[in-house]
């Protein structure tokens, strides 16, 4: 898995971060964070699977103290090149999420954050171990906020049905590992509905809130189709904000965002 993300690092921002679809989905994530995180308070945040650091830089700009980690040394290298001389910058370091329990930090955290499918790289057993490790790294009343891919994506299913590819139309609907294509590289992926996350974390965390991310905004691999249809994307964005309040749609969207509080 490390090699796959190392290869993807150089083009990741061009393919996703700076894409029209990537920007629109990320705006939904940031809107949720602004509504959920306490106002006028600087939090200690640990980001896992930080990729090229875009979210860590945004969180630091909001006044938070951020340690951002990723399994890929190349992703971390790209993130470090984005640092400037401003007073509040994240700290980037390489870390395998499966070794979180063995990592010693100088302090505990108010929030552990994972964006855009980072937790989907964990098998069910690894996901359970992650929650055990995360609980130990959090302060009392600390939170986990994750952006996760569910077992069904309505737009994805419609797209592949129209192309006559029923296998891909329902590829997420399995408890088994799926080899997902990330910039031409296969990455082991598991899909989890909100109920799966709630059940796995139940002994240690309670679910606060779940919102769909991309119930109308399409998956990022459709960027080439939509890049010349920006008017349509804006309409889909407005619909996504409209339907964003309906938690039950989370298991039919491209991603969903879930907030959990430490018991």
Protein backbone atom coordinates (compact mmCIF):
# COMPACT_ATOMS: atom_id res chain seq x y z
CA UNK A 1 0.00 0.00 0.00
CA UNK A 2 2.85 2.41 0.80
CA UNK A 3 4.27 2.04 -2.70
CA UNK A 4 0.90 2.77 -4.33
CA UNK A 5 0.51 6.06 -2.48
CA UNK A 6 4.17 6.98 -3.04
CA UNK A 7 3.56 6.65 -6.78
CA UNK A 8 0.35 8.70 -6.57
CA UNK A 9 1.87 11.54 -4.52
CA UNK A 10 3.26 13.62 -7.39
CA UNK A 11 -0.06 13.83 -9.24
CA UNK A 12 -2.52 13.58 -6.32
CA UNK A 13 -3.23 17.31 -6.11
CA UNK A 14 -3.76 17.61 -9.87
CA UNK A 15 -6.01 14.55 -10.01
CA UNK A 16 -8.11 15.21 -6.89
CA UNK A 17 -7.23 18.15 -4.60
CA UNK A 18 -7.36 20.79 -7.34
CA UNK A 19 -10.08 19.13 -9.41
CA UNK A 20 -13.51 20.76 -9.58
CA UNK A 21 -15.16 17.74 -7.95
CA UNK A 22 -12.48 17.46 -5.27
CA UNK A 23 -12.89 21.12 -4.33
CA UNK A 24 -16.68 20.84 -4.10
CA UNK A 25 -16.61 17.73 -1.93
CA UNK A 26 -13.95 19.27 0.31
CA UNK A 27 -16.11 22.39 0.80
CA UNK A 28 -18.81 20.12 2.24
CA UNK A 29 -16.28 18.62 4.63
CA UNK A 30 -15.07 22.04 5.77
CA UNK A 31 -18.64 23.24 6.22
CA UNK A 32 -19.26 20.28 8.56
CA UNK A 33 -16.06 20.97 10.50
CA UNK A 34 -16.95 24.64 10.94
CA UNK A 35 -20.36 23.68 12.31
CA UNK A 36 -19.03 20.91 14.53
CA UNK A 37 -15.77 22.17 16.04
CA UNK A 38 -15.93 24.70 18.90
CA UNK A 39 -15.62 28.36 17.94
CA UNK A 40 -12.69 30.52 19.02
CA UNK A 41 -10.80 27.57 20.49
CA UNK A 42 -7.47 26.20 19.39
CA UNK A 43 -7.59 22.40 19.31
CA UNK A 44 -4.85 19.80 19.38
CA UNK A 45 -5.53 17.79 16.22
CA UNK A 46 -3.98 14.59 14.91
CA UNK A 47 -4.65 13.95 11.24
CA UNK A 48 -4.12 10.47 9.85
CA UNK A 49 -3.77 9.65 6.15
CA UNK A 50 -3.14 13.35 5.50
CA UNK A 51 -2.01 12.88 1.91
CA UNK A 52 -0.39 16.01 0.50
CA UNK A 53 -1.39 18.13 3.50
CA UNK A 54 -4.21 20.29 2.14
CA UNK A 55 -6.55 19.66 5.08
CA UNK A 56 -3.79 20.07 7.67
CA UNK A 57 -2.91 23.47 6.25
CA UNK A 58 -6.59 24.51 6.32
CA UNK A 59 -6.99 23.34 9.93
CA UNK A 60 -3.85 25.27 10.91
CA UNK A 61 -5.27 28.36 9.20
CA UNK A 62 -8.33 28.01 11.46
CA UNK A 63 -5.99 28.40 14.45
CA UNK A 64 -5.59 24.75 15.42
CA UNK A 65 -2.34 22.95 16.31
CA UNK A 66 -2.00 20.07 13.89
CA UNK A 67 0.18 16.99 13.65
CA UNK A 68 -0.51 15.44 10.24
CA UNK A 69 0.64 11.92 9.36
CA UNK A 70 0.60 9.60 6.38
CA UNK A 71 2.03 6.17 5.60
CA UNK A 72 3.59 7.52 2.40
CA UNK A 73 6.93 9.32 2.70
CA UNK A 74 6.35 10.85 -0.74
CA UNK A 75 2.98 12.31 0.34
CA UNK A 76 4.70 13.80 3.39
CA UNK A 77 7.47 15.22 1.18
CA UNK A 78 4.88 16.97 -1.00
CA UNK A 79 3.11 18.30 2.11
CA UNK A 80 6.33 19.65 3.61
CA UNK A 81 7.05 21.59 0.41
CA UNK A 82 3.82 23.51 0.98
CA UNK A 83 4.93 24.93 4.33
CA UNK A 84 5.61 28.63 4.56
CA UNK A 85 7.07 30.86 7.27
CA UNK A 86 3.76 31.77 8.89
CA UNK A 87 3.44 31.36 12.66
CA UNK A 88 0.89 28.51 12.73
CA UNK A 89 1.88 25.58 10.57
CA UNK A 90 1.13 21.86 10.84
CA UNK A 91 3.82 19.35 11.61
CA UNK A 92 4.05 16.60 8.99
CA UNK A 93 5.48 13.15 9.76
CA UNK A 94 5.35 9.62 8.36
CA UNK A 95 3.18 7.18 10.31
CA UNK A 96 1.46 3.91 9.47
CA UNK A 97 -2.05 4.16 10.94
CA UNK A 98 -1.76 0.53 12.00
CA UNK A 99 1.11 1.52 14.29
CA UNK A 100 -0.74 4.38 15.97
CA UNK A 101 -0.81 2.50 19.28
CA UNK A 102 3.01 2.33 19.31
CA UNK A 103 3.50 6.03 18.55
CA UNK A 104 4.27 8.30 21.49
CA UNK A 105 3.16 11.92 21.27
CA UNK A 106 4.01 14.70 23.71
CA UNK A 107 0.34 15.35 24.40
CA UNK A 108 -3.11 13.90 23.82
CA UNK A 109 -5.55 15.27 21.23
CA UNK A 110 -8.94 16.94 21.10
CA UNK A 111 -9.60 15.53 17.63
CA UNK A 112 -8.36 12.75 15.36
CA UNK A 113 -9.32 13.51 11.75
CA UNK A 114 -9.24 11.39 8.60
CA UNK A 115 -10.47 12.70 5.25
CA UNK A 116 -11.59 11.05 2.01
CA UNK A 117 -11.41 7.33 2.56
CA UNK A 118 -8.32 6.99 4.72
CA UNK A 119 -10.18 4.66 7.08
CA UNK A 120 -11.35 2.59 4.11
CA UNK A 121 -7.78 1.32 3.80
CA UNK A 122 -8.28 -0.63 7.04
CA UNK A 123 -9.69 -4.14 7.23
CA UNK A 124 -12.43 -4.71 9.85
CA UNK A 125 -9.86 -6.04 12.33
CA UNK A 126 -7.51 -3.12 11.66
CA UNK A 127 -10.40 -0.67 12.02
CA UNK A 128 -11.27 -2.11 15.43
CA UNK A 129 -7.62 -1.79 16.50
CA UNK A 130 -7.58 1.79 15.23
CA UNK A 131 -10.46 2.77 17.52
CA UNK A 132 -8.72 1.13 20.47
CA UNK A 133 -5.50 3.03 19.75
CA UNK A 134 -7.30 6.30 19.00
CA UNK A 135 -9.21 6.24 22.28
CA UNK A 136 -5.89 6.19 24.14
CA UNK A 137 -4.57 9.20 22.20
CA UNK A 138 -7.61 11.39 22.82
CA UNK A 139 -8.38 13.69 25.71
CA UNK A 140 -11.58 13.11 27.73
CA UNK A 141 -14.50 14.09 25.47
CA UNK A 142 -12.16 13.92 22.46
CA UNK A 143 -13.58 13.24 19.01
CA UNK A 144 -12.89 11.29 15.86
CA UNK A 145 -14.16 12.76 12.59
CA UNK A 146 -13.78 10.61 9.51
CA UNK A 147 -14.82 10.90 5.86
CA UNK A 148 -15.61 7.36 4.72
CA UNK A 149 -16.88 5.59 1.60
CA UNK A 150 -20.10 3.60 2.18
CA UNK A 151 -21.20 0.30 0.64
CA UNK A 152 -23.28 2.01 -2.05
CA UNK A 153 -22.98 5.16 -4.11
CA UNK A 154 -26.15 6.06 -5.97
CA UNK A 155 -24.46 8.13 -8.68
CA UNK A 156 -21.74 5.52 -9.18
CA UNK A 157 -24.33 2.76 -9.59
CA UNK A 158 -26.35 4.81 -12.09
CA UNK A 159 -23.21 5.66 -14.08
CA UNK A 160 -22.02 2.05 -14.41
CA UNK A 161 -25.54 0.69 -15.07
CA UNK A 162 -25.81 3.14 -17.97
CA UNK A 163 -22.48 1.80 -19.24
CA UNK A 164 -23.76 -1.77 -18.88
CA UNK A 165 -21.19 -2.70 -16.24
CA UNK A 166 -23.25 -4.25 -13.44
CA UNK A 167 -20.17 -5.63 -11.67
CA UNK A 168 -18.78 -2.14 -11.09
CA UNK A 169 -22.22 -0.70 -10.41
CA UNK A 170 -22.47 -2.70 -7.19
CA UNK A 171 -18.78 -3.28 -6.43
CA UNK A 172 -18.96 -1.55 -3.04
CA UNK A 173 -21.69 -3.80 -1.70
CA UNK A 174 -19.44 -6.43 -0.13
CA UNK A 175 -17.77 -7.19 3.16
CA UNK A 176 -14.67 -8.38 1.31
CA UNK A 177 -11.65 -6.37 0.25
CA UNK A 178 -11.94 -4.56 -3.10
CA UNK A 179 -8.95 -3.49 -5.16
CA UNK A 180 -9.74 0.15 -5.88
CA UNK A 181 -7.86 2.07 -8.55
CA UNK A 182 -5.98 5.13 -7.25
CA UNK A 183 -4.23 6.94 -10.09
CA UNK A 184 -3.55 3.67 -11.88
CA UNK A 185 -2.52 1.76 -8.74
CA UNK A 186 -4.59 -0.88 -6.94
CA UNK A 187 -5.26 -0.15 -3.27
CA UNK A 188 -6.91 -2.61 -0.86
CA UNK A 189 -10.22 -1.04 0.13
CA UNK A 190 -13.09 -1.97 2.47
CA UNK A 191 -16.42 -0.14 2.42
CA UNK A 192 -18.25 0.71 5.63
CA UNK A 193 -21.73 2.08 6.22
CA UNK A 194 -22.30 4.35 9.25
CA UNK A 195 -23.84 1.41 11.15
CA UNK A 196 -20.64 -0.60 10.59
CA UNK A 197 -18.58 2.22 12.12
CA UNK A 198 -20.99 2.63 15.02
CA UNK A 199 -20.90 -1.10 15.77
CA UNK A 200 -17.10 -1.33 15.55
CA UNK A 201 -16.52 1.70 17.78
CA UNK A 202 -19.49 1.17 20.11
CA UNK A 203 -17.60 0.16 23.26
CA UNK A 204 -15.36 3.24 23.11
CA UNK A 205 -17.23 5.94 21.16
CA UNK A 206 -20.73 7.25 20.56
CA UNK A 207 -21.87 8.63 17.20
CA UNK A 208 -22.75 12.32 17.30
CA UNK A 209 -23.63 13.13 13.72
CA UNK A 210 -23.49 11.71 10.19
CA UNK A 211 -23.87 13.69 6.94
CA UNK A 212 -23.59 12.62 3.28
CA UNK A 213 -20.69 14.00 1.23
CA UNK A 214 -21.33 13.63 -2.48
CA UNK A 215 -24.93 12.46 -2.70
CA UNK A 216 -25.28 14.70 -5.79
CA UNK A 217 -21.69 15.81 -6.46
CA UNK A 218 -20.25 12.88 -8.46
CA UNK A 219 -17.22 10.71 -7.67
CA UNK A 220 -13.90 12.31 -8.62
CA UNK A 221 -13.15 9.84 -11.44
CA UNK A 222 -15.91 11.58 -13.42
CA UNK A 223 -13.93 14.85 -13.44
CA UNK A 224 -13.12 14.57 -17.15
CA UNK A 225 -16.85 14.35 -17.97
CA UNK A 226 -17.82 17.31 -15.78
CA UNK A 227 -14.85 19.68 -16.26
CA UNK A 228 -16.66 21.39 -19.17
CA UNK A 229 -20.03 21.29 -17.41
CA UNK A 230 -19.32 23.61 -14.48
CA UNK A 231 -22.87 24.99 -14.52
CA UNK A 232 -24.22 21.51 -13.94
CA UNK A 233 -21.69 20.94 -11.16
CA UNK A 234 -22.90 24.11 -9.41
CA UNK A 235 -26.46 22.84 -9.55
CA UNK A 236 -25.34 19.51 -8.10
CA UNK A 237 -23.43 21.37 -5.39
CA UNK A 238 -26.57 23.25 -4.35
CA UNK A 239 -28.51 19.99 -4.25
CA UNK A 240 -25.79 18.41 -2.13
CA UNK A 241 -26.09 21.23 0.44
CA UNK A 242 -29.87 20.78 0.37
CA UNK A 243 -29.75 17.02 0.98
CA UNK A 244 -26.74 17.20 3.31
CA UNK A 245 -29.02 17.45 6.35
CA UNK A 246 -30.54 14.00 5.77
CA UNK A 247 -28.36 11.48 7.58
CA UNK A 248 -30.07 8.43 6.01
CA UNK A 249 -28.63 9.43 2.62
CA UNK A 250 -25.11 8.90 3.94
CA UNK A 251 -25.07 5.23 2.94
CA UNK A 252 -25.89 6.17 -0.69
CA UNK A 253 -23.35 8.97 -1.20
CA UNK A 254 -19.80 8.91 -2.55
CA UNK A 255 -18.54 9.58 1.00
CA UNK A 256 -20.08 10.48 4.32
CA UNK A 257 -18.65 12.36 7.29
CA UNK A 258 -19.12 10.92 10.75
CA UNK A 259 -18.34 12.45 14.15
CA UNK A 260 -17.77 10.22 17.18
CA UNK A 261 -17.17 11.23 20.79
CA UNK A 262 -15.06 9.32 23.29
CA UNK A 263 -17.22 7.70 25.98
